[in-house]
All heavy atoms as atom14 arrays in JSON, in Angstrom:
{
  "sequence": "AIATASTLAVVYPQMCTLGGDNFWLIYNAKTGELKALNASGRSGEM",
  "atom14_mask": [
    [1, 1, 1, 1, 1, 0, 0, 0, 0, 0, 0, 0, 0, 0],
    [1, 1, 1, 1, 1, 1, 1, 1, 0, 0, 0, 0, 0, 0],
    [1, 1, 1, 1, 1, 0, 0, 0, 0, 0, 0, 0, 0, 0],
    [1, 1, 1, 1, 1, 1, 1, 0, 0, 0, 0, 0, 0, 0],
    [1, 1, 1, 1, 1, 0, 0, 0, 0, 0, 0, 0, 0, 0],
    [1, 1, 1, 1, 1, 1, 0, 0, 0, 0, 0, 0, 0, 0],
    [1, 1, 1, 1, 1, 1, 1, 0, 0, 0, 0, 0, 0, 0],
    [1, 1, 1, 1, 1, 1, 1, 1, 0, 0, 0, 0, 0, 0],
    [1, 1, 1, 1, 1, 0, 0, 0, 0, 0, 0, 0, 0, 0],
    [1, 1, 1, 1, 1, 1, 1, 0, 0, 0, 0, 0, 0, 0],
    [1, 1, 1, 1, 1, 1, 1, 0, 0, 0, 0, 0, 0, 0],
    [1, 1, 1, 1, 1, 1, 1, 1, 1, 1, 1, 1, 0, 0],
    [1, 1, 1, 1, 1, 1, 1, 0, 0, 0, 0, 0, 0, 0],
    [1, 1, 1, 1, 1, 1, 1, 1, 1, 0, 0, 0, 0, 0],
    [1, 1, 1, 1, 1, 1, 1, 1, 0, 0, 0, 0, 0, 0],
    [1, 1, 1, 1, 1, 1, 0, 0, 0, 0, 0, 0, 0, 0],
    [1, 1, 1, 1, 1, 1, 1, 0, 0, 0, 0, 0, 0, 0],
    [1, 1, 1, 1, 1, 1, 1, 1, 0, 0, 0, 0, 0, 0],
    [1, 1, 1, 1, 0, 0, 0, 0, 0, 0, 0, 0, 0, 0],
    [1, 1, 1, 1, 0, 0, 0, 0, 0, 0, 0, 0, 0, 0],
    [1, 1, 1, 1, 1, 1, 1, 1, 0, 0, 0, 0, 0, 0],
    [1, 1, 1, 1, 1, 1, 1, 1, 0, 0, 0, 0, 0, 0],
    [1, 1, 1, 1, 1, 1, 1, 1, 1, 1, 1, 0, 0, 0],
    [1, 1, 1, 1, 1, 1, 1, 1, 1, 1, 1, 1, 1, 1],
    [1, 1, 1, 1, 1, 1, 1, 1, 0, 0, 0, 0, 0, 0],
    [1, 1, 1, 1, 1, 1, 1, 1, 0, 0, 0, 0, 0, 0],
    [1, 1, 1, 1, 1, 1, 1, 1, 1, 1, 1, 1, 0, 0],
    [1, 1, 1, 1, 1, 1, 1, 1, 0, 0, 0, 0, 0, 0],
    [1, 1, 1, 1, 1, 0, 0, 0, 0, 0, 0, 0, 0, 0],
    [1, 1, 1, 1, 1, 1, 1, 1, 1, 0, 0, 0, 0, 0],
    [1, 1, 1, 1, 1, 1, 1, 0, 0, 0, 0, 0, 0, 0],
    [1, 1, 1, 1, 0, 0, 0, 0, 0, 0, 0, 0, 0, 0],
    [1, 1, 1, 1, 1, 1, 1, 1, 1, 0, 0, 0, 0, 0],
    [1, 1, 1, 1, 1, 1, 1, 1, 0, 0, 0, 0, 0, 0],
    [1, 1, 1, 1, 1, 1, 1, 1, 1, 0, 0, 0, 0, 0],
    [1, 1, 1, 1, 1, 0, 0, 0, 0, 0, 0, 0, 0, 0],
    [1, 1, 1, 1, 1, 1, 1, 1, 0, 0, 0, 0, 0, 0],
    [1, 1, 1, 1, 1, 1, 1, 1, 0, 0, 0, 0, 0, 0],
    [1, 1, 1, 1, 1, 0, 0, 0, 0, 0, 0, 0, 0, 0],
    [1, 1, 1, 1, 1, 1, 0, 0, 0, 0, 0, 0, 0, 0],
    [1, 1, 1, 1, 0, 0, 0, 0, 0, 0, 0, 0, 0, 0],
    [1, 1, 1, 1, 1, 1, 1, 1, 1, 1, 1, 0, 0, 0],
    [1, 1, 1, 1, 1, 1, 0, 0, 0, 0, 0, 0, 0, 0],
    [1, 1, 1, 1, 0, 0, 0, 0, 0, 0, 0, 0, 0, 0],
    [1, 1, 1, 1, 1, 1, 1, 1, 1, 0, 0, 0, 0, 0],
    [1, 1, 1, 1, 1, 1, 1, 1, 0, 0, 0, 0, 0, 0]
  ],
  "atom14_positions": [
    [[38.05, -118.04, -102.87], [37.91, -117.26, -101.55], [38.99, -116.13, -101.56], [38.57, -115.05, -101.09], [38.18, -118.19, -100.42], [0.0, 0.0, 0.0], [0.0, 0.0, 0.0], [0.0, 0.0, 0.0], [0.0, 0.0, 0.0], [0.0, 0.0, 0.0], [0.0, 0.0, 0.0], [0.0, 0.0, 0.0], [0.0, 0.0, 0.0], [0.0, 0.0, 0.0]],
    [[40.15, -116.3, -102.03], [41.09, -115.18, -102.18], [40.65, -114.16, -103.12], [40.77, -112.99, -102.83], [42.5, -115.73, -102.58], [42.94, -116.68, -101.56], [43.45, -114.61, -102.91], [44.31, -117.46, -102.07], [0.0, 0.0, 0.0], [0.0, 0.0, 0.0], [0.0, 0.0, 0.0], [0.0, 0.0, 0.0], [0.0, 0.0, 0.0], [0.0, 0.0, 0.0]],
    [[40.13, -114.48, -104.28], [39.46, -113.47, -105.21], [38.38, -112.74, -104.61], [38.3, -111.46, -104.77], [39.12, -114.22, -106.58], [0.0, 0.0, 0.0], [0.0, 0.0, 0.0], [0.0, 0.0, 0.0], [0.0, 0.0, 0.0], [0.0, 0.0, 0.0], [0.0, 0.0, 0.0], [0.0, 0.0, 0.0], [0.0, 0.0, 0.0], [0.0, 0.0, 0.0]],
    [[37.53, -113.42, -103.88], [36.35, -112.78, -103.18], [36.82, -111.9, -102.09], [36.41, -110.73, -102.02], [35.5, -113.84, -102.64], [35.05, -114.73, -103.77], [34.22, -113.24, -102.12], [0.0, 0.0, 0.0], [0.0, 0.0, 0.0], [0.0, 0.0, 0.0], [0.0, 0.0, 0.0], [0.0, 0.0, 0.0], [0.0, 0.0, 0.0], [0.0, 0.0, 0.0]],
    [[37.78, -112.33, -101.24], [38.14, -111.62, -100.15], [39.01, -110.33, -100.47], [38.85, -109.3, -99.97], [39.07, -112.46, -99.2], [0.0, 0.0, 0.0], [0.0, 0.0, 0.0], [0.0, 0.0, 0.0], [0.0, 0.0, 0.0], [0.0, 0.0, 0.0], [0.0, 0.0, 0.0], [0.0, 0.0, 0.0], [0.0, 0.0, 0.0], [0.0, 0.0, 0.0]],
    [[39.87, -110.54, -101.56], [40.65, -109.33, -102.0], [39.78, -108.3, -102.65], [40.01, -107.04, -102.48], [41.8, -109.84, -102.99], [41.16, -110.44, -104.1], [0.0, 0.0, 0.0], [0.0, 0.0, 0.0], [0.0, 0.0, 0.0], [0.0, 0.0, 0.0], [0.0, 0.0, 0.0], [0.0, 0.0, 0.0], [0.0, 0.0, 0.0], [0.0, 0.0, 0.0]],
    [[38.69, -108.75, -103.29], [37.73, -107.72, -103.91], [36.98, -107.06, -102.75], [36.79, -105.83, -102.77], [36.76, -108.5, -104.87], [37.57, -109.11, -105.89], [35.79, -107.45, -105.46], [0.0, 0.0, 0.0], [0.0, 0.0, 0.0], [0.0, 0.0, 0.0], [0.0, 0.0, 0.0], [0.0, 0.0, 0.0], [0.0, 0.0, 0.0], [0.0, 0.0, 0.0]],
    [[36.53, -107.73, -101.74], [35.95, -107.18, -100.65], [36.86, -106.13, -99.94], [36.29, -105.13, -99.47], [35.57, -108.26, -99.67], [34.33, -109.11, -99.96], [34.29, -110.27, -99.07], [33.04, -108.3, -99.81], [0.0, 0.0, 0.0], [0.0, 0.0, 0.0], [0.0, 0.0, 0.0], [0.0, 0.0, 0.0], [0.0, 0.0, 0.0], [0.0, 0.0, 0.0]],
    [[38.06, -106.42, -99.95], [39.05, -105.46, -99.26], [39.15, -104.03, -100.09], [39.65, -103.13, -99.55], [40.43, -106.05, -99.25], [0.0, 0.0, 0.0], [0.0, 0.0, 0.0], [0.0, 0.0, 0.0], [0.0, 0.0, 0.0], [0.0, 0.0, 0.0], [0.0, 0.0, 0.0], [0.0, 0.0, 0.0], [0.0, 0.0, 0.0], [0.0, 0.0, 0.0]],
    [[38.56, -104.07, -101.31], [38.47, -102.85, -102.14], [37.09, -102.25, -102.0], [36.94, -101.09, -101.59], [38.84, -103.14, -103.57], [38.59, -101.94, -104.41], [40.3, -103.59, -103.62], [0.0, 0.0, 0.0], [0.0, 0.0, 0.0], [0.0, 0.0, 0.0], [0.0, 0.0, 0.0], [0.0, 0.0, 0.0], [0.0, 0.0, 0.0], [0.0, 0.0, 0.0]],
    [[36.05, -103.09, -102.28], [34.71, -102.56, -102.5], [33.86, -102.46, -101.12], [32.83, -101.95, -101.08], [33.86, -103.28, -103.52], [34.65, -103.36, -104.83], [33.63, -104.75, -103.03], [0.0, 0.0, 0.0], [0.0, 0.0, 0.0], [0.0, 0.0, 0.0], [0.0, 0.0, 0.0], [0.0, 0.0, 0.0], [0.0, 0.0, 0.0], [0.0, 0.0, 0.0]],
    [[34.42, -103.1, -100.12], [33.77, -103.13, -98.8], [34.67, -102.67, -97.58], [34.81, -103.26, -96.69], [33.22, -104.57, -98.57], [31.84, -104.73, -98.22], [30.77, -104.17, -98.88], [31.44, -105.41, -96.97], [29.5, -104.32, -98.54], [30.13, -105.46, -96.58], [29.19, -104.97, -97.36], [27.85, -105.08, -96.94], [0.0, 0.0, 0.0], [0.0, 0.0, 0.0]],
    [[35.38, -101.49, -97.73], [36.35, -101.15, -96.8], [35.79, -100.77, -95.45], [36.65, -100.62, -94.57], [36.95, -99.9, -97.52], [35.84, -99.23, -98.37], [35.17, -100.57, -98.83], [0.0, 0.0, 0.0], [0.0, 0.0, 0.0], [0.0, 0.0, 0.0], [0.0, 0.0, 0.0], [0.0, 0.0, 0.0], [0.0, 0.0, 0.0], [0.0, 0.0, 0.0]],
    [[34.49, -100.55, -95.33], [33.95, -100.28, -94.07], [34.05, -101.53, -93.15], [34.02, -101.42, -91.95], [32.49, -99.86, -94.12], [31.52, -100.92, -94.65], [31.36, -101.15, -96.02], [32.36, -100.9, -96.79], [30.2, -101.66, -96.43], [0.0, 0.0, 0.0], [0.0, 0.0, 0.0], [0.0, 0.0, 0.0], [0.0, 0.0, 0.0], [0.0, 0.0, 0.0]],
    [[34.27, -102.66, -93.76], [34.28, -103.93, -92.98], [35.55, -104.72, -93.03], [35.91, -105.47, -92.19], [33.15, -104.83, -93.42], [31.75, -104.31, -93.23], [31.39, -103.96, -91.51], [29.89, -102.99, -91.62], [0.0, 0.0, 0.0], [0.0, 0.0, 0.0], [0.0, 0.0, 0.0], [0.0, 0.0, 0.0], [0.0, 0.0, 0.0], [0.0, 0.0, 0.0]],
    [[36.34, -104.59, -94.17], [37.58, -105.33, -94.28], [38.51, -104.65, -95.24], [37.99, -104.1, -96.27], [37.37, -106.83, -94.61], [36.73, -107.1, -96.29], [0.0, 0.0, 0.0], [0.0, 0.0, 0.0], [0.0, 0.0, 0.0], [0.0, 0.0, 0.0], [0.0, 0.0, 0.0], [0.0, 0.0, 0.0], [0.0, 0.0, 0.0], [0.0, 0.0, 0.0]],
    [[39.81, -104.71, -95.05], [40.73, -104.13, -95.92], [42.08, -105.04, -95.8], [42.12, -105.99, -95.06], [41.18, -102.7, -95.54], [41.9, -102.65, -94.3], [39.94, -101.82, -95.41], [0.0, 0.0, 0.0], [0.0, 0.0, 0.0], [0.0, 0.0, 0.0], [0.0, 0.0, 0.0], [0.0, 0.0, 0.0], [0.0, 0.0, 0.0], [0.0, 0.0, 0.0]],
    [[43.08, -104.51, -96.67], [44.36, -105.24, -96.52], [45.0, -105.05, -95.18], [45.97, -105.77, -94.76], [45.34, -104.81, -97.6], [45.35, -105.5, -98.9], [44.09, -105.3, -99.64], [46.47, -104.94, -99.85], [0.0, 0.0, 0.0], [0.0, 0.0, 0.0], [0.0, 0.0, 0.0], [0.0, 0.0, 0.0], [0.0, 0.0, 0.0], [0.0, 0.0, 0.0]],
    [[44.47, -104.12, -94.38], [45.07, -103.81, -93.16], [44.36, -104.53, -91.97], [44.65, -104.18, -90.83], [0.0, 0.0, 0.0], [0.0, 0.0, 0.0], [0.0, 0.0, 0.0], [0.0, 0.0, 0.0], [0.0, 0.0, 0.0], [0.0, 0.0, 0.0], [0.0, 0.0, 0.0], [0.0, 0.0, 0.0], [0.0, 0.0, 0.0], [0.0, 0.0, 0.0]],
    [[43.64, -105.64, -92.27], [42.96, -106.37, -91.25], [43.55, -107.73, -91.01], [44.57, -108.05, -91.29], [0.0, 0.0, 0.0], [0.0, 0.0, 0.0], [0.0, 0.0, 0.0], [0.0, 0.0, 0.0], [0.0, 0.0, 0.0], [0.0, 0.0, 0.0], [0.0, 0.0, 0.0], [0.0, 0.0, 0.0], [0.0, 0.0, 0.0], [0.0, 0.0, 0.0]],
    [[42.6, -108.57, -90.43], [43.02, -109.99, -90.1], [42.01, -110.93, -90.81], [40.92, -110.5, -91.08], [42.96, -110.26, -88.61], [44.13, -109.59, -87.78], [45.07, -109.28, -88.41], [43.88, -109.39, -86.63], [0.0, 0.0, 0.0], [0.0, 0.0, 0.0], [0.0, 0.0, 0.0], [0.0, 0.0, 0.0], [0.0, 0.0, 0.0], [0.0, 0.0, 0.0]],
    [[42.37, -112.23, -90.97], [41.37, -113.24, -91.4], [41.67, -114.57, -90.75], [42.76, -114.92, -90.2], [41.31, -113.25, -92.86], [42.57, -113.62, -93.59], [43.36, -114.31, -93.13], [42.59, -113.14, -94.87], [0.0, 0.0, 0.0], [0.0, 0.0, 0.0], [0.0, 0.0, 0.0], [0.0, 0.0, 0.0], [0.0, 0.0, 0.0], [0.0, 0.0, 0.0]],
    [[40.64, -115.31, -90.8], [40.63, -116.76, -90.27], [40.0, -117.66, -91.21], [38.87, -117.35, -91.77], [39.95, -116.82, -88.92], [40.52, -116.07, -87.82], [40.11, -114.72, -87.64], [41.47, -116.48, -86.87], [40.66, -113.94, -86.55], [41.98, -115.86, -85.86], [41.63, -114.48, -85.76], [0.0, 0.0, 0.0], [0.0, 0.0, 0.0], [0.0, 0.0, 0.0]],
    [[40.57, -118.88, -91.44], [40.08, -119.72, -92.48], [39.73, -121.12, -91.79], [40.58, -121.64, -91.03], [41.12, -120.09, -93.5], [41.66, -118.88, -94.23], [42.32, -117.81, -93.77], [41.51, -118.68, -95.65], [42.74, -116.98, -94.8], [42.19, -117.48, -95.93], [40.91, -119.29, -96.68], [42.28, -116.94, -97.3], [41.03, -118.85, -98.03], [41.7, -117.62, -98.29]],
    [[38.54, -121.79, -92.32], [38.4, -123.18, -92.26], [38.43, -123.74, -93.66], [37.67, -123.16, -94.49], [37.06, -123.52, -91.63], [36.96, -123.38, -90.17], [35.57, -123.76, -89.63], [37.91, -124.08, -89.31], [0.0, 0.0, 0.0], [0.0, 0.0, 0.0], [0.0, 0.0, 0.0], [0.0, 0.0, 0.0], [0.0, 0.0, 0.0], [0.0, 0.0, 0.0]],
    [[39.29, -124.7, -93.94], [39.41, -125.25, -95.32], [39.2, -126.76, -95.25], [39.91, -127.44, -94.62], [40.78, -124.91, -95.89], [41.09, -123.42, -95.9], [40.93, -125.44, -97.32], [42.46, -123.0, -96.29], [0.0, 0.0, 0.0], [0.0, 0.0, 0.0], [0.0, 0.0, 0.0], [0.0, 0.0, 0.0], [0.0, 0.0, 0.0], [0.0, 0.0, 0.0]],
    [[38.23, -127.14, -96.05], [38.01, -128.64, -96.23], [38.55, -129.09, -97.56], [38.28, -128.51, -98.66], [36.6, -129.03, -96.19], [36.28, -130.45, -96.4], [36.46, -131.44, -95.44], [35.9, -130.91, -97.71], [36.35, -132.8, -95.69], [35.63, -132.21, -97.95], [35.94, -133.18, -97.0], [35.67, -134.53, -97.17], [0.0, 0.0, 0.0], [0.0, 0.0, 0.0]],
    [[39.56, -130.07, -97.48], [40.2, -130.65, -98.63], [39.46, -131.94, -99.09], [39.53, -132.94, -98.35], [41.62, -130.89, -98.44], [42.42, -131.31, -99.66], [41.92, -131.96, -100.51], [43.64, -130.94, -99.67], [0.0, 0.0, 0.0], [0.0, 0.0, 0.0], [0.0, 0.0, 0.0], [0.0, 0.0, 0.0], [0.0, 0.0, 0.0], [0.0, 0.0, 0.0]],
    [[38.76, -131.92, -100.21], [37.9, -133.1, -100.6], [38.88, -134.28, -101.03], [38.35, -135.43, -100.88], [37.08, -132.75, -101.83], [0.0, 0.0, 0.0], [0.0, 0.0, 0.0], [0.0, 0.0, 0.0], [0.0, 0.0, 0.0], [0.0, 0.0, 0.0], [0.0, 0.0, 0.0], [0.0, 0.0, 0.0], [0.0, 0.0, 0.0], [0.0, 0.0, 0.0]],
    [[40.1, -134.04, -101.46], [40.96, -135.1, -101.89], [41.39, -135.92, -100.52], [41.45, -137.16, -100.71], [42.17, -134.52, -102.57], [41.95, -134.06, -103.94], [43.39, -133.58, -104.59], [43.14, -133.2, -106.08], [44.4, -132.74, -106.66], [0.0, 0.0, 0.0], [0.0, 0.0, 0.0], [0.0, 0.0, 0.0], [0.0, 0.0, 0.0], [0.0, 0.0, 0.0]],
    [[41.73, -135.21, -99.56], [42.31, -135.87, -98.4], [41.26, -136.0, -97.22], [41.55, -136.82, -96.35], [43.45, -135.04, -97.84], [42.9, -133.73, -97.39], [44.49, -134.82, -98.89], [0.0, 0.0, 0.0], [0.0, 0.0, 0.0], [0.0, 0.0, 0.0], [0.0, 0.0, 0.0], [0.0, 0.0, 0.0], [0.0, 0.0, 0.0], [0.0, 0.0, 0.0]],
    [[40.12, -135.42, -97.32], [39.1, -135.41, -96.2], [39.61, -134.71, -94.98], [39.04, -134.87, -93.98], [0.0, 0.0, 0.0], [0.0, 0.0, 0.0], [0.0, 0.0, 0.0], [0.0, 0.0, 0.0], [0.0, 0.0, 0.0], [0.0, 0.0, 0.0], [0.0, 0.0, 0.0], [0.0, 0.0, 0.0], [0.0, 0.0, 0.0], [0.0, 0.0, 0.0]],
    [[40.53, -133.78, -95.23], [41.14, -133.07, -94.11], [40.52, -131.73, -93.89], [40.18, -131.01, -94.9], [42.65, -132.9, -94.53], [43.49, -132.11, -93.45], [44.98, -132.0, -93.9], [45.21, -131.67, -95.05], [45.79, -132.17, -93.01], [0.0, 0.0, 0.0], [0.0, 0.0, 0.0], [0.0, 0.0, 0.0], [0.0, 0.0, 0.0], [0.0, 0.0, 0.0]],
    [[40.3, -131.39, -92.67], [39.82, -130.0, -92.41], [40.73, -129.27, -91.69], [41.3, -129.63, -90.61], [38.47, -130.08, -91.54], [37.84, -128.72, -91.13], [37.28, -128.06, -92.46], [36.73, -128.9, -90.17], [0.0, 0.0, 0.0], [0.0, 0.0, 0.0], [0.0, 0.0, 0.0], [0.0, 0.0, 0.0], [0.0, 0.0, 0.0], [0.0, 0.0, 0.0]],
    [[41.29, -128.14, -92.22], [42.37, -127.34, -91.6], [41.86, -125.96, -91.23], [40.9, -125.41, -91.74], [43.44, -127.18, -92.65], [44.08, -128.46, -93.06], [45.22, -128.29, -94.07], [46.47, -127.61, -93.56], [47.16, -128.52, -92.59], [0.0, 0.0, 0.0], [0.0, 0.0, 0.0], [0.0, 0.0, 0.0], [0.0, 0.0, 0.0], [0.0, 0.0, 0.0]],
    [[42.56, -125.37, -90.24], [42.33, -124.04, -89.77], [43.44, -123.17, -89.92], [44.56, -123.54, -89.49], [41.74, -124.02, -88.31], [0.0, 0.0, 0.0], [0.0, 0.0, 0.0], [0.0, 0.0, 0.0], [0.0, 0.0, 0.0], [0.0, 0.0, 0.0], [0.0, 0.0, 0.0], [0.0, 0.0, 0.0], [0.0, 0.0, 0.0], [0.0, 0.0, 0.0]],
    [[43.33, -121.87, -90.39], [44.45, -121.07, -90.63], [44.22, -119.71, -89.91], [43.17, -119.02, -90.03], [44.64, -120.78, -92.04], [45.8, -119.84, -92.52], [47.12, -120.34, -92.08], [45.67, -119.54, -94.04], [0.0, 0.0, 0.0], [0.0, 0.0, 0.0], [0.0, 0.0, 0.0], [0.0, 0.0, 0.0], [0.0, 0.0, 0.0], [0.0, 0.0, 0.0]],
    [[45.01, -119.44, -88.95], [44.95, -118.18, -88.14], [45.88, -117.18, -88.73], [47.06, -117.24, -88.58], [45.38, -118.47, -86.66], [45.16, -117.32, -85.73], [45.18, -116.2, -86.18], [45.05, -117.62, -84.39], [0.0, 0.0, 0.0], [0.0, 0.0, 0.0], [0.0, 0.0, 0.0], [0.0, 0.0, 0.0], [0.0, 0.0, 0.0], [0.0, 0.0, 0.0]],
    [[45.23, -116.19, -89.36], [46.05, -115.1, -89.99], [45.68, -113.76, -89.27], [45.52, -112.72, -89.9], [45.81, -114.93, -91.44], [0.0, 0.0, 0.0], [0.0, 0.0, 0.0], [0.0, 0.0, 0.0], [0.0, 0.0, 0.0], [0.0, 0.0, 0.0], [0.0, 0.0, 0.0], [0.0, 0.0, 0.0], [0.0, 0.0, 0.0], [0.0, 0.0, 0.0]],
    [[45.65, -113.77, -87.96], [45.52, -112.55, -87.15], [46.89, -112.06, -86.67], [47.85, -112.83, -86.46], [44.62, -112.85, -85.96], [45.22, -113.76, -84.99], [0.0, 0.0, 0.0], [0.0, 0.0, 0.0], [0.0, 0.0, 0.0], [0.0, 0.0, 0.0], [0.0, 0.0, 0.0], [0.0, 0.0, 0.0], [0.0, 0.0, 0.0], [0.0, 0.0, 0.0]],
    [[47.02, -110.76, -86.64], [48.31, -110.12, -86.34], [48.49, -110.02, -84.81], [47.58, -109.85, -83.96], [0.0, 0.0, 0.0], [0.0, 0.0, 0.0], [0.0, 0.0, 0.0], [0.0, 0.0, 0.0], [0.0, 0.0, 0.0], [0.0, 0.0, 0.0], [0.0, 0.0, 0.0], [0.0, 0.0, 0.0], [0.0, 0.0, 0.0], [0.0, 0.0, 0.0]],
    [[49.78, -110.02, -84.41], [50.13, -109.83, -83.04], [50.41, -108.35, -82.75], [50.79, -107.6, -83.68], [51.4, -110.67, -82.78], [51.07, -112.15, -82.85], [52.38, -112.94, -82.73], [52.13, -114.43, -82.84], [52.0, -115.1, -83.97], [51.97, -114.49, -85.09], [51.71, -116.46, -83.86], [0.0, 0.0, 0.0], [0.0, 0.0, 0.0], [0.0, 0.0, 0.0]],
    [[50.42, -107.97, -81.49], [50.74, -106.59, -81.13], [52.25, -106.36, -81.35], [53.04, -107.3, -81.39], [50.38, -106.43, -79.61], [51.11, -107.36, -78.75], [0.0, 0.0, 0.0], [0.0, 0.0, 0.0], [0.0, 0.0, 0.0], [0.0, 0.0, 0.0], [0.0, 0.0, 0.0], [0.0, 0.0, 0.0], [0.0, 0.0, 0.0], [0.0, 0.0, 0.0]],
    [[52.58, -105.16, -81.48], [53.96, -104.76, -81.78], [54.92, -104.93, -80.59], [54.48, -105.09, -79.38], [0.0, 0.0, 0.0], [0.0, 0.0, 0.0], [0.0, 0.0, 0.0], [0.0, 0.0, 0.0], [0.0, 0.0, 0.0], [0.0, 0.0, 0.0], [0.0, 0.0, 0.0], [0.0, 0.0, 0.0], [0.0, 0.0, 0.0], [0.0, 0.0, 0.0]],
    [[56.11, -105.1, -80.97], [57.12, -105.26, -79.83], [57.26, -104.22, -78.83], [57.68, -104.33, -77.76], [58.52, -105.54, -80.47], [59.08, -104.4, -81.31], [60.36, -104.71, -82.01], [60.98, -105.84, -81.72], [60.81, -104.06, -82.95], [0.0, 0.0, 0.0], [0.0, 0.0, 0.0], [0.0, 0.0, 0.0], [0.0, 0.0, 0.0], [0.0, 0.0, 0.0]],
    [[56.78, -103.0, -79.17], [56.83, -101.83, -78.36], [55.36, -101.57, -77.74], [55.31, -100.59, -76.94], [57.26, -100.54, -79.11], [58.6, -100.66, -79.73], [59.0, -99.41, -80.98], [58.75, -97.89, -79.93], [0.0, 0.0, 0.0], [0.0, 0.0, 0.0], [0.0, 0.0, 0.0], [0.0, 0.0, 0.0], [0.0, 0.0, 0.0], [0.0, 0.0, 0.0]]
  ]
}
């Protein structure tokens, strides 16, 4: 997913770049755990 997403940030800049946000759902087959990762940015202090 990281390899795919980073490539998209280059070849698909109309929709995503290093300057954006992302959200993940990750299922771990070893543990049976489903995790969610919020990688959205917050507004600046000013």
